[in-house]
Protein backbone atom coordinates (compact mmCIF):
# COMPACT_ATOMS: atom_id res chain seq x y z
CA MET A 1 -12.79 -39.62 -11.04
CA ARG A 2 -11.81 -36.91 -9.07
CA PRO A 3 -11.08 -33.82 -10.87
CA GLU A 4 -8.35 -31.18 -11.42
CA VAL A 5 -8.01 -28.61 -10.88
CA ALA A 6 -5.19 -25.77 -11.28
CA VAL A 7 -6.21 -22.33 -9.16
CA ILE A 8 -4.06 -19.20 -10.57
CA GLY A 9 -4.04 -16.67 -7.19
CA ALA A 10 -4.24 -17.27 -3.43
CA GLY A 11 -6.59 -13.99 -2.78
CA PRO A 12 -9.58 -14.55 -1.79
CA ALA A 13 -11.54 -15.87 -4.63
CA GLY A 14 -9.02 -18.43 -5.65
CA LEU A 15 -8.68 -19.73 -2.15
CA THR A 16 -11.94 -20.09 -1.70
CA ALA A 17 -13.07 -21.94 -4.62
CA ALA A 18 -10.33 -24.00 -3.73
CA HIS A 19 -11.61 -24.59 -0.12
CA VAL A 20 -14.26 -25.43 -1.67
CA LEU A 21 -13.36 -27.60 -4.31
CA CYS A 22 -10.96 -29.68 -1.47
CA LYS A 23 -14.13 -29.99 0.00
CA GLY A 24 -16.38 -31.60 -2.08
CA GLY A 25 -13.23 -34.02 -3.64
CA ALA A 26 -11.67 -32.42 -6.58
CA ASN A 27 -7.81 -32.40 -6.91
CA VAL A 28 -6.55 -28.54 -6.36
CA THR A 29 -3.92 -27.09 -6.52
CA VAL A 30 -3.38 -23.27 -5.82
CA LEU A 31 -0.44 -21.11 -7.97
CA GLU A 32 0.56 -17.69 -6.15
CA ALA A 33 3.22 -15.73 -7.71
CA ASP A 34 3.86 -14.09 -4.11
CA ALA A 35 6.61 -15.86 -2.54
CA THR A 36 5.30 -15.06 0.81
CA THR A 37 2.21 -14.45 1.84
CA VAL A 38 -1.36 -15.44 0.86
CA GLY A 39 -4.60 -13.10 0.02
CA GLY A 40 -3.93 -10.65 -2.40
CA ILE A 41 -4.57 -7.10 -1.86
CA SER A 42 -7.15 -8.81 1.58
CA ARG A 43 -3.79 -10.13 3.43
CA THR A 44 -1.67 -8.45 6.22
CA VAL A 45 1.14 -7.50 6.47
CA VAL A 46 3.52 -6.98 9.60
CA HIS A 47 5.16 -4.34 10.35
CA ARG A 48 7.55 -4.53 14.05
CA GLY A 49 5.03 -6.01 15.13
CA PHE A 50 2.16 -3.57 13.95
CA ARG A 51 -0.25 -4.91 11.39
CA PHE A 52 -1.84 -3.12 8.71
CA ASP A 53 -4.40 -4.04 5.97
CA ILE A 54 -3.49 -3.00 2.45
CA GLY A 55 -7.03 -0.30 2.68
CA GLY A 56 -9.34 -1.56 4.45
CA HIS A 57 -11.55 -4.80 4.46
CA ARG A 58 -14.63 -5.63 5.62
CA PHE A 59 -16.39 -8.23 7.00
CA PHE A 60 -20.43 -8.02 6.07
CA SER A 61 -21.85 -10.04 3.11
CA LYS A 62 -25.21 -10.17 2.80
CA ALA A 63 -25.18 -13.56 1.93
CA ARG A 64 -25.76 -16.19 4.30
CA GLU A 65 -23.80 -18.44 2.44
CA VAL A 66 -20.19 -15.89 3.30
CA GLU A 67 -20.88 -15.00 6.51
CA ASP A 68 -21.28 -19.21 7.25
CA PHE A 69 -18.07 -18.97 5.69
CA TRP A 70 -16.31 -16.83 7.06
CA SER A 71 -17.15 -18.34 10.76
CA GLU A 72 -16.20 -22.15 9.74
CA ILE A 73 -12.62 -20.64 8.62
CA LEU A 74 -12.38 -18.72 11.55
CA PRO A 75 -15.09 -19.66 14.32
CA HIS A 76 -12.93 -18.02 17.40
CA ASP A 77 -11.57 -15.28 15.91
CA MET A 78 -13.56 -13.22 14.74
CA LEU A 79 -14.81 -9.49 16.51
CA GLU A 80 -17.05 -7.30 16.26
CA ARG A 81 -16.43 -4.28 15.25
CA PRO A 82 -18.22 -0.82 15.35
CA ARG A 83 -18.20 1.10 11.68
CA SER A 84 -17.34 4.72 11.75
CA SER A 85 -16.27 6.29 8.67
CA ARG A 86 -16.51 10.75 7.86
CA ILE A 87 -15.47 13.18 5.02
CA TYR A 88 -13.32 15.74 6.00
CA TYR A 89 -14.62 18.55 3.68
CA ASP A 90 -13.42 21.98 4.02
CA GLY A 91 -11.76 21.41 7.63
CA LYS A 92 -15.09 19.88 9.00
CA PHE A 93 -15.03 16.18 9.16
CA PHE A 94 -18.98 15.30 8.29
CA SER A 95 -20.31 11.55 8.84
CA TYR A 96 -20.56 9.32 6.49
CA PRO A 97 -22.54 7.71 5.50
CA LEU A 98 -23.67 11.22 5.82
CA LYS A 99 -26.16 11.81 8.75
CA PRO A 100 -28.21 14.56 6.42
CA PHE A 101 -29.57 16.27 9.35
CA GLU A 102 -25.65 16.59 10.29
CA ALA A 103 -24.39 17.49 7.34
CA LEU A 104 -26.58 20.77 6.70
CA ALA A 105 -26.10 22.10 10.07
CA ARG A 106 -22.25 22.29 9.05
CA LEU A 107 -22.73 23.77 6.03
CA GLY A 108 -24.42 26.68 7.01
CA PRO A 109 -27.34 27.64 6.21
CA LEU A 110 -27.24 29.36 2.76
CA GLU A 111 -25.15 26.06 1.06
CA ALA A 112 -28.05 24.31 3.22
CA GLY A 113 -29.96 25.79 1.64
CA LEU A 114 -28.69 25.53 -2.25
CA CYS A 115 -28.58 22.25 -1.33
CA VAL A 116 -31.64 21.02 -0.73
CA ALA A 117 -32.75 22.80 -3.77
CA SER A 118 -30.03 21.28 -5.74
CA TYR A 119 -31.28 17.79 -4.82
CA ALA A 120 -34.63 19.17 -5.01
CA LYS A 121 -34.09 19.29 -8.71
CA ALA A 122 -32.78 16.15 -9.56
CA ARG A 123 -35.72 14.53 -7.59
CA LEU A 124 -37.61 16.94 -10.36
CA HIS A 125 -35.34 16.57 -13.45
CA PRO A 126 -32.77 13.58 -12.97
CA VAL A 127 -30.66 12.53 -15.77
CA SER A 128 -32.44 9.90 -18.09
CA ASN A 129 -30.57 6.50 -17.91
CA PRO A 130 -27.40 8.24 -16.00
CA LYS A 131 -24.10 6.42 -17.58
CA ASN A 132 -21.20 8.26 -16.03
CA PHE A 133 -20.96 8.19 -11.63
CA GLU A 134 -21.74 12.15 -11.64
CA ASP A 135 -24.76 11.50 -13.01
CA TRP A 136 -25.36 8.41 -11.12
CA VAL A 137 -25.02 10.42 -7.35
CA THR A 138 -25.76 14.22 -8.74
CA ASN A 139 -29.33 11.94 -9.57
CA GLN A 140 -29.24 10.63 -5.25
CA PHE A 141 -27.82 13.77 -4.02
CA GLY A 142 -28.42 16.93 -5.80
CA GLU A 143 -25.42 18.37 -8.37
CA ARG A 144 -24.31 20.49 -5.11
CA LEU A 145 -23.26 17.92 -2.46
CA PHE A 146 -22.25 15.58 -5.79
CA ARG A 147 -19.54 18.14 -5.87
CA ILE A 148 -19.46 18.71 -1.84
CA PHE A 149 -19.43 14.76 -1.25
CA PHE A 150 -18.13 12.81 -3.32
CA LYS A 151 -16.27 14.75 -7.12
CA THR A 152 -12.20 14.75 -5.01
CA TYR A 153 -12.19 11.35 -3.39
CA THR A 154 -13.14 10.04 -6.63
CA GLU A 155 -11.13 11.89 -8.74
CA LYS A 156 -7.97 11.28 -6.86
CA VAL A 157 -9.45 7.60 -7.64
CA TRP A 158 -9.45 6.72 -10.61
CA GLY A 159 -7.58 9.50 -11.60
CA MET A 160 -9.87 11.01 -14.32
CA PRO A 161 -13.36 13.15 -14.30
CA CYS A 162 -15.99 11.44 -12.97
CA LYS A 163 -17.75 12.04 -16.26
CA GLU A 164 -15.05 9.63 -17.78
CA ILE A 165 -16.44 7.09 -14.97
CA SER A 166 -18.99 4.18 -15.42
CA ALA A 167 -21.99 4.36 -13.92
CA ASP A 168 -21.23 0.98 -13.21
CA TRP A 169 -19.07 1.87 -10.03
CA ALA A 170 -21.71 4.19 -8.76
CA ALA A 171 -24.10 1.61 -8.61
CA GLN A 172 -21.10 -1.31 -6.91
CA ARG A 173 -19.91 1.22 -3.80
CA ILE A 174 -22.97 3.35 -2.95
CA LYS A 175 -26.19 1.07 -4.24
CA GLY A 176 -29.11 2.00 -2.57
CA LEU A 177 -28.25 4.87 -1.13
CA SER A 178 -29.34 8.61 -2.13
CA LEU A 179 -30.03 11.40 0.33
CA GLY A 180 -33.80 9.99 1.32
CA THR A 181 -32.70 6.30 2.76
CA ALA A 182 -29.52 8.15 4.78
CA VAL A 183 -32.74 10.57 6.14
CA LEU A 184 -35.21 7.31 6.95
CA SER A 185 -32.29 5.61 8.46
CA ALA A 186 -31.52 8.97 10.38
CA LEU A 187 -34.37 8.65 11.46
CA LYS A 188 -34.86 5.09 12.11
CA PRO A 189 -31.48 3.31 12.96
CA GLY A 190 -30.36 0.87 11.65
CA GLN A 191 -30.24 -2.80 13.12
CA ARG A 192 -28.78 -6.01 12.80
CA SER A 193 -30.86 -9.27 11.71
CA ALA A 194 -30.16 -12.68 10.31
CA ASP A 195 -32.44 -12.02 7.85
CA ARG A 196 -30.31 -9.24 6.06
CA SER A 197 -32.05 -9.37 2.51
CA GLY A 198 -33.39 -5.56 2.54
CA VAL A 199 -29.76 -4.34 4.62
CA ILE A 200 -28.01 -0.95 2.09
CA LYS A 201 -24.31 -1.73 2.80
CA THR A 202 -22.72 1.62 2.74
CA LEU A 203 -25.37 2.22 5.99
CA ILE A 204 -24.15 -0.75 7.87
CA ASP A 205 -23.27 0.15 11.80
CA THR A 206 -21.13 -3.12 12.32
CA PHE A 207 -19.43 -6.07 11.09
CA ARG A 208 -16.89 -8.65 11.67
CA TYR A 209 -13.22 -8.82 11.11
CA PRO A 210 -9.96 -11.07 11.79
CA ARG A 211 -8.64 -10.20 15.21
CA LEU A 212 -5.46 -10.41 13.14
CA GLY A 213 -6.40 -8.80 10.21
CA PRO A 214 -7.41 -9.72 6.93
CA GLY A 215 -4.53 -11.81 6.46
CA MET A 216 -5.36 -14.58 9.10
CA MET A 217 -8.31 -15.01 7.17
CA TRP A 218 -7.30 -16.04 4.25
CA GLU A 219 -3.92 -17.84 6.29
CA ALA A 220 -6.10 -19.83 7.85
CA CYS A 221 -8.05 -20.79 4.14
CA ALA A 222 -5.06 -22.39 2.91
CA GLU A 223 -4.67 -24.04 5.74
CA ARG A 224 -7.77 -25.82 5.56
CA VAL A 225 -7.59 -26.33 2.55
CA ARG A 226 -3.60 -28.58 2.46
CA GLU A 227 -4.85 -29.63 5.43
CA ASN A 228 -8.15 -30.97 3.03
CA GLY A 229 -4.94 -32.92 0.16
CA GLY A 230 -4.35 -29.70 -1.70
CA HIS A 231 -1.82 -27.76 -2.73
CA VAL A 232 -0.58 -23.88 -2.26
CA LEU A 233 2.13 -23.49 -3.69
CA LEU A 234 3.87 -19.65 -3.04
CA GLY A 235 6.21 -17.97 -5.14
CA ARG A 236 4.99 -19.72 -8.83
CA ARG A 237 4.19 -16.76 -11.34
CA VAL A 238 1.46 -18.69 -14.42
CA ALA A 239 3.57 -18.48 -17.83
CA ARG A 240 1.35 -19.60 -19.81
CA VAL A 241 -1.65 -21.32 -20.13
CA SER A 242 -2.25 -24.46 -22.94
CA TYR A 243 -5.28 -26.13 -24.01
CA ASP A 244 -6.04 -29.96 -25.36
CA ALA A 245 -8.86 -29.14 -26.94
CA GLU A 246 -8.62 -33.33 -28.20
CA ARG A 247 -7.96 -34.47 -24.45
CA ARG A 248 -10.05 -32.03 -23.55
CA ARG A 249 -7.14 -30.95 -20.22
CA TYR A 250 -4.73 -27.80 -19.33
CA THR A 251 -1.43 -27.54 -19.43
CA VAL A 252 0.25 -25.35 -17.09
CA GLU A 253 3.79 -23.83 -17.05
CA HIS A 254 4.33 -21.79 -14.21
CA VAL A 255 8.00 -20.67 -12.81
CA GLY A 256 9.60 -20.25 -9.72
CA MET A 257 11.09 -17.32 -8.06
CA ASN A 258 15.11 -18.44 -9.62
CA GLY A 259 13.18 -19.14 -13.47
CA GLU A 260 12.78 -22.52 -12.80
CA ARG A 261 10.10 -23.70 -15.29
CA ASP A 262 7.20 -27.17 -13.87
CA GLU A 263 3.67 -27.41 -15.86
CA LEU A 264 0.98 -28.99 -14.04
CA GLU A 265 -1.52 -30.69 -16.11
CA VAL A 266 -5.34 -30.36 -15.02
CA ASP A 267 -9.04 -30.33 -16.29
CA TYR A 268 -10.27 -26.91 -15.34
CA VAL A 269 -8.20 -23.85 -15.13
CA VAL A 270 -9.83 -21.57 -12.07
CA SER A 271 -8.04 -18.29 -12.01
CA SER A 272 -8.15 -14.88 -10.27
CA ALA A 273 -5.02 -13.50 -12.63
CA PRO A 274 -5.75 -9.86 -13.75
CA LEU A 275 -7.76 -10.67 -16.75
CA ALA A 276 -5.00 -9.07 -19.18
CA GLU A 277 -2.81 -11.03 -18.24
CA LEU A 278 -4.65 -14.15 -18.21
CA VAL A 279 -5.94 -13.41 -21.95
CA ARG A 280 -1.95 -13.01 -22.86
CA SER A 281 -0.81 -15.89 -21.26
CA LEU A 282 -3.43 -18.55 -23.11
CA SER A 283 -3.06 -21.44 -25.95
CA PRO A 284 -3.94 -20.73 -28.63
CA THR A 285 -3.73 -17.23 -29.03
CA LEU A 286 -6.84 -15.22 -28.77
CA GLY A 287 -8.79 -13.45 -31.94
CA PRO A 288 -7.06 -9.74 -32.13
CA GLU A 289 -10.52 -7.85 -31.53
CA THR A 290 -10.00 -9.96 -28.06
CA LEU A 291 -6.64 -9.68 -27.81
CA THR A 292 -7.14 -5.69 -28.11
CA ALA A 293 -10.01 -5.83 -25.47
CA ALA A 294 -7.16 -6.89 -23.26
CA ALA A 295 -5.20 -4.58 -24.10
CA SER A 296 -7.95 -1.84 -24.09
CA LEU A 297 -8.36 -2.60 -20.11
CA ARG A 298 -6.67 -0.72 -17.29
CA TYR A 299 -5.55 -0.61 -14.05
CA ARG A 300 -5.43 1.90 -10.94
CA ASP A 301 -2.72 1.16 -8.66
CA PHE A 302 -1.76 2.01 -4.80
CA LEU A 303 0.33 2.79 -2.15
CA ILE A 304 -0.16 3.26 1.17
CA VAL A 305 1.97 4.63 3.81
CA VAL A 306 1.39 3.64 7.44
CA LEU A 307 2.63 5.84 9.98
CA MET A 308 3.53 4.60 14.11
CA ALA A 309 3.16 6.87 16.03
CA LYS A 310 2.23 7.78 19.54
CA ASP A 311 -1.94 7.56 20.18
CA GLU A 312 -2.32 11.38 21.30
CA GLY A 313 -6.77 10.18 20.45
CA ALA A 314 -6.21 11.45 16.94
CA PHE A 315 -9.47 9.80 15.79
CA THR A 316 -11.71 7.10 16.19
CA ASP A 317 -12.68 6.12 13.35
CA ASN A 318 -12.05 3.62 10.87
CA TRP A 319 -10.97 5.14 7.94
CA LEU A 320 -11.70 8.65 6.89
CA TYR A 321 -12.15 9.80 2.89
CA ILE A 322 -10.52 13.31 2.34
CA GLN A 323 -12.92 15.17 0.28
CA ASP A 324 -9.78 18.17 0.14
CA PRO A 325 -7.67 18.45 -3.39
CA SER A 326 -5.24 20.94 -1.62
CA VAL A 327 -3.56 17.48 -0.50
CA LEU A 328 -2.87 14.11 -2.56
CA VAL A 329 -3.37 11.69 0.30
CA GLY A 330 -7.43 10.24 -0.51
CA ARG A 331 -8.30 8.08 2.16
CA ILE A 332 -6.66 7.77 6.34
CA GLN A 333 -6.71 4.41 7.88
CA ASN A 334 -6.61 3.88 11.50
CA PHE A 335 -5.36 0.22 11.62
CA LYS A 336 -6.40 0.18 15.95
CA SER A 337 -10.16 0.60 15.41
CA TRP A 338 -10.43 -2.12 13.25
CA SER A 339 -8.79 -4.05 15.67
CA PRO A 340 -7.21 -3.46 19.30
CA ASP A 341 -4.47 -6.31 18.23
CA MET A 342 -3.38 -4.41 15.38
CA VAL A 343 -0.72 -2.55 17.16
CA PRO A 344 1.69 -4.66 20.06
CA ASP A 345 0.85 -1.27 22.49
CA PRO A 346 -2.48 -0.01 23.08
CA THR A 347 -0.39 3.74 24.01
CA LEU A 348 0.50 3.25 20.35
CA ALA A 349 -1.70 3.23 16.46
CA ALA A 350 -0.74 3.35 13.47
CA TYR A 351 -2.65 5.42 10.73
CA GLY A 352 -2.04 4.02 6.79
CA CYS A 353 -2.73 7.36 4.56
CA GLU A 354 -3.58 5.53 0.95
CA TYR A 355 -1.90 7.66 -2.34
CA PHE A 356 -3.77 6.12 -5.37
CA CYS A 357 -2.03 7.13 -9.22
CA HIS A 358 -0.46 5.02 -11.46
CA ALA A 359 2.57 2.58 -11.28
CA GLY A 360 5.33 4.57 -13.26
CA ASP A 361 3.54 8.11 -12.92
CA GLY A 362 5.41 10.60 -10.01
CA LEU A 363 4.15 9.92 -7.30
CA TRP A 364 4.81 6.03 -7.40
CA THR A 365 8.49 6.58 -7.62
CA LYS A 366 8.84 8.63 -5.28
CA PRO A 367 12.26 7.57 -2.38
CA ASP A 368 10.24 6.16 0.61
CA ALA A 369 11.61 9.01 3.00
CA GLU A 370 9.71 11.56 1.14
CA LEU A 371 6.63 9.50 0.78
CA GLU A 372 7.48 9.28 5.08
CA ALA A 373 7.32 13.60 4.92
CA LEU A 374 4.77 13.63 2.61
CA ALA A 375 2.35 11.67 4.80
CA ARG A 376 3.73 13.35 8.31
CA ARG A 377 3.29 16.64 6.24
CA GLU A 378 -0.43 16.37 5.09
CA MET A 379 -1.66 14.20 8.35
CA GLY A 380 -0.53 17.67 9.73
CA ALA A 381 -2.38 20.01 7.60
CA ILE A 382 -5.09 18.16 8.47
CA GLY A 383 -5.20 18.37 12.15
CA LEU A 384 -4.61 14.76 13.35
CA LEU A 385 -0.79 14.14 13.61
CA ARG A 386 1.91 15.94 15.08
CA GLN A 387 4.71 15.38 13.26
CA GLU A 388 6.97 14.99 16.62
CA SER A 389 4.62 11.71 17.71
CA VAL A 390 6.14 9.25 14.91
CA PHE A 391 8.45 7.57 15.26
CA ASP A 392 7.98 4.94 12.20
CA CYS A 393 7.01 4.32 9.39
CA ALA A 394 5.96 1.01 6.34
CA ILE A 395 5.21 1.36 2.10
CA VAL A 396 3.85 -0.03 0.19
CA ARG A 397 3.03 -0.28 -3.52
CA GLN A 398 0.04 -2.76 -4.80
CA PRO A 399 -0.20 -3.07 -8.13
CA LYS A 400 -3.28 -3.77 -10.29
CA ALA A 401 -5.58 -2.60 -6.87
CA TYR A 402 -8.76 -1.71 -8.99
CA PRO A 403 -9.77 -1.98 -12.35
CA VAL A 404 -11.05 1.19 -14.20
CA TYR A 405 -14.21 1.92 -15.02
CA ASP A 406 -14.05 3.99 -18.28
CA SER A 407 -17.01 4.13 -20.04
CA LYS A 408 -15.41 1.71 -22.84
CA TYR A 409 -14.30 -1.76 -20.08
CA GLN A 410 -17.82 -3.93 -20.40
CA ARG A 411 -17.55 -3.51 -23.91
CA HIS A 412 -14.04 -4.99 -23.35
CA VAL A 413 -14.94 -7.69 -20.72
CA ASP A 414 -17.93 -9.11 -22.93
CA THR A 415 -15.29 -9.36 -25.91
CA ILE A 416 -13.03 -11.54 -23.72
CA ARG A 417 -15.26 -13.76 -22.37
CA HIS A 418 -17.66 -14.48 -25.43
CA GLU A 419 -14.91 -15.43 -27.22
CA LEU A 420 -13.26 -17.93 -24.64
CA LYS A 421 -16.78 -19.34 -23.55
CA ALA A 422 -16.45 -20.55 -26.76
CA LYS A 423 -12.28 -21.63 -27.38
CA PHE A 424 -11.52 -23.01 -23.36
CA PRO A 425 -14.16 -24.79 -21.89
CA GLY A 426 -13.34 -25.24 -17.80
CA LEU A 427 -11.44 -22.43 -17.75
CA TYR A 428 -13.37 -20.03 -15.15
CA VAL A 429 -12.61 -16.26 -14.21
CA VAL A 430 -13.07 -14.97 -10.66
CA GLY A 431 -12.36 -12.52 -8.28
CA ARG A 432 -12.18 -8.99 -8.59
CA ASN A 433 -9.56 -9.22 -10.98
CA GLY A 434 -10.53 -11.66 -12.93
CA MET A 435 -13.93 -10.62 -14.09
CA HIS A 436 -12.29 -7.26 -14.27
CA LYS A 437 -15.18 -5.35 -11.84
CA TYR A 438 -14.42 -3.82 -8.58
CA ASN A 439 -15.92 -6.89 -6.19
CA ASN A 440 -16.14 -6.57 -3.04
CA GLN A 441 -14.76 -9.70 -0.61
CA ASP A 442 -17.93 -11.08 -0.90
CA HIS A 443 -18.79 -10.55 -4.38
CA SER A 444 -15.79 -12.32 -5.01
CA MET A 445 -15.89 -14.94 -3.29
CA MET A 446 -19.47 -15.91 -4.52
CA THR A 447 -18.28 -16.05 -7.50
CA ALA A 448 -15.51 -18.46 -6.39
CA MET A 449 -18.31 -20.41 -4.98
CA LEU A 450 -20.58 -20.93 -7.57
CA VAL A 451 -17.17 -21.83 -9.91
CA ALA A 452 -16.46 -24.60 -7.64
CA LYS A 453 -19.62 -25.94 -7.48
CA ASN A 454 -19.83 -26.01 -11.35
CA ILE A 455 -16.70 -28.03 -11.34
CA LEU A 456 -17.63 -30.38 -8.98
CA ALA A 457 -20.83 -30.84 -10.67
CA GLY A 458 -19.53 -31.79 -13.90
CA ARG A 459 -21.79 -29.22 -15.78
CA GLU A 460 -23.09 -25.36 -15.69
CA ILE A 461 -24.71 -24.87 -12.66
CA PHE A 462 -24.44 -21.43 -12.56
CA ASP A 463 -23.18 -18.39 -14.40
CA PRO A 464 -20.56 -15.98 -12.19
CA TRP A 465 -21.52 -13.32 -13.53
CA ARG A 466 -24.81 -13.32 -12.00
CA VAL A 467 -23.52 -12.58 -8.79
CA ASN A 468 -24.19 -8.67 -8.35
CA GLN A 469 -23.01 -6.33 -5.75
CA ASP A 470 -24.37 -7.53 -2.74
CA ALA A 471 -23.01 -11.03 -3.24
CA GLU A 472 -26.53 -12.29 -4.57
CA TYR A 473 -27.17 -14.89 -7.53
CA HIS A 474 -29.71 -14.07 -9.94
CA GLU A 475 -31.10 -16.49 -11.93
CA ALA A 476 -31.35 -15.71 -15.27
CA GLY A 477 -35.15 -17.08 -16.76
CA ASP A 478 -38.26 -18.51 -15.33
CA ARG A 479 -36.97 -19.98 -12.16
CA GLY A 480 -36.49 -16.94 -10.28
CA ALA A 481 -35.02 -15.97 -7.54
CA ASP A 482 -36.77 -17.69 -4.98
CA GLU A 483 -35.74 -21.49 -6.53
CA THR A 484 -32.12 -20.39 -7.13
CA GLY A 485 -32.29 -18.79 -3.44
CA ARG A 486 -32.72 -22.47 -2.07
CA LEU A 487 -30.11 -24.18 -4.62
CA ILE A 488 -27.47 -22.25 -3.27
CA PRO A 489 -26.95 -22.74 0.21
CA ARG A 490 -27.87 -26.81 -0.83
CA LEU A 491 -24.93 -27.56 -2.87
CA LEU A 492 -22.61 -25.04 -1.03
CA ARG A 493 -23.42 -27.53 1.87
CA ARG A 494 -22.96 -30.26 0.13
CA SER A 495 -19.32 -31.27 1.33
CA THR A 496 -19.24 -34.85 -1.61
CA LEU A 497 -18.39 -35.17 -5.01
CA PRO A 498 -22.45 -35.27 -6.98
CA PRO A 499 -22.04 -37.68 -9.99
CA ARG A 500 -21.34 -35.97 -13.23
CA ALA A 501 -23.98 -35.02 -15.57
């Protein structure tokens, strides 16, 4: 029998799962709450010929199967782009990843000496078993460089002190990077090769990018799903997921834009919806401890103010990190540097000012005119843009952009995982919000690939929670990484439904 699957969410994780499942012969329906667009936070917004991301999305993975997936979906529209990003601090720009000799020279001899001494102290007396972001980064760079180049931006992103942010955030975002590796990288420039196993993702100098933005990838993927017999339904919000243990079947109730309700009966459910929302939608209801854990999961919201302007050569980086407490903006994107086709005219540019907030707070609720004025003023204060060169603006508010990594998040997630596994067989969570993990796009995709293969095989071959920050699968037990590394690509190449166990 062909497995029947409901996929909740048409972002990278949901559409990846749907594509692999459809190729394997499953009957798939994707339910997406957005009435017009697929891609989730990886969608591309179009405004009067300008195209921009909800943040920036590099297409680079150490997992060859993920890179092959992108090539399969967009064989002719993936550009090779130079990676360029800098940190703005104390009125100066510093390359990121940090180039130690450049950074120390620009800080001046006194500050440079203090930074080197601070780094030496951290290496001689590191914090053992660091639990929070501040301790983790201090171990890698020293306390002085942490405060100069990491603290302010990170606290803008999360809205809380670095001591309250789990070290998991640092491990996922800047894994493998330290002052020592940065020095070695500066002395020996990185090389691009087919074998990426030893590459530190933070140090890459090129990446791929869809010509018309990341939404181009996921629009094409949704079309592939439809071509392979699947259904992608937009404007459908999932209200209830009910499990009948006797029949081993799920009923997924979903609601349209006008309040019309419908039901879908399936064997499996793959959810990339926020984990807390999924828990609240389940029937039978989960236990009080699990409901409390779900209610304790927090999210950070995000808004982007995109200024369309004459291109006066303000900066050519893909993005800038603003490590300056005097302005609220956290990061600034230059979408033309991601792809020249993101703007309708080569004489124009689009700059995305990113602000991190909580839905309902003062920044989130500011009128659009005030947000535009704020972005214009702060771009001018940094020296990036003359206000008179701006002629248009677009604003997007993105709820639940980032799962919050506070000190208790892992405990809450583990509580939820254990009860889901015990009471809801055939229900899988994938992706950033689905797993409440700050996954990169490739990590989200890999979790979806493995879940799809479990469903097609009719048995638990892979545990998606064992995908690491580099989208690499790590098998527990005696099988070892070598056997696992051979097994994943072999399964992912299959396009026919394997026999059930």
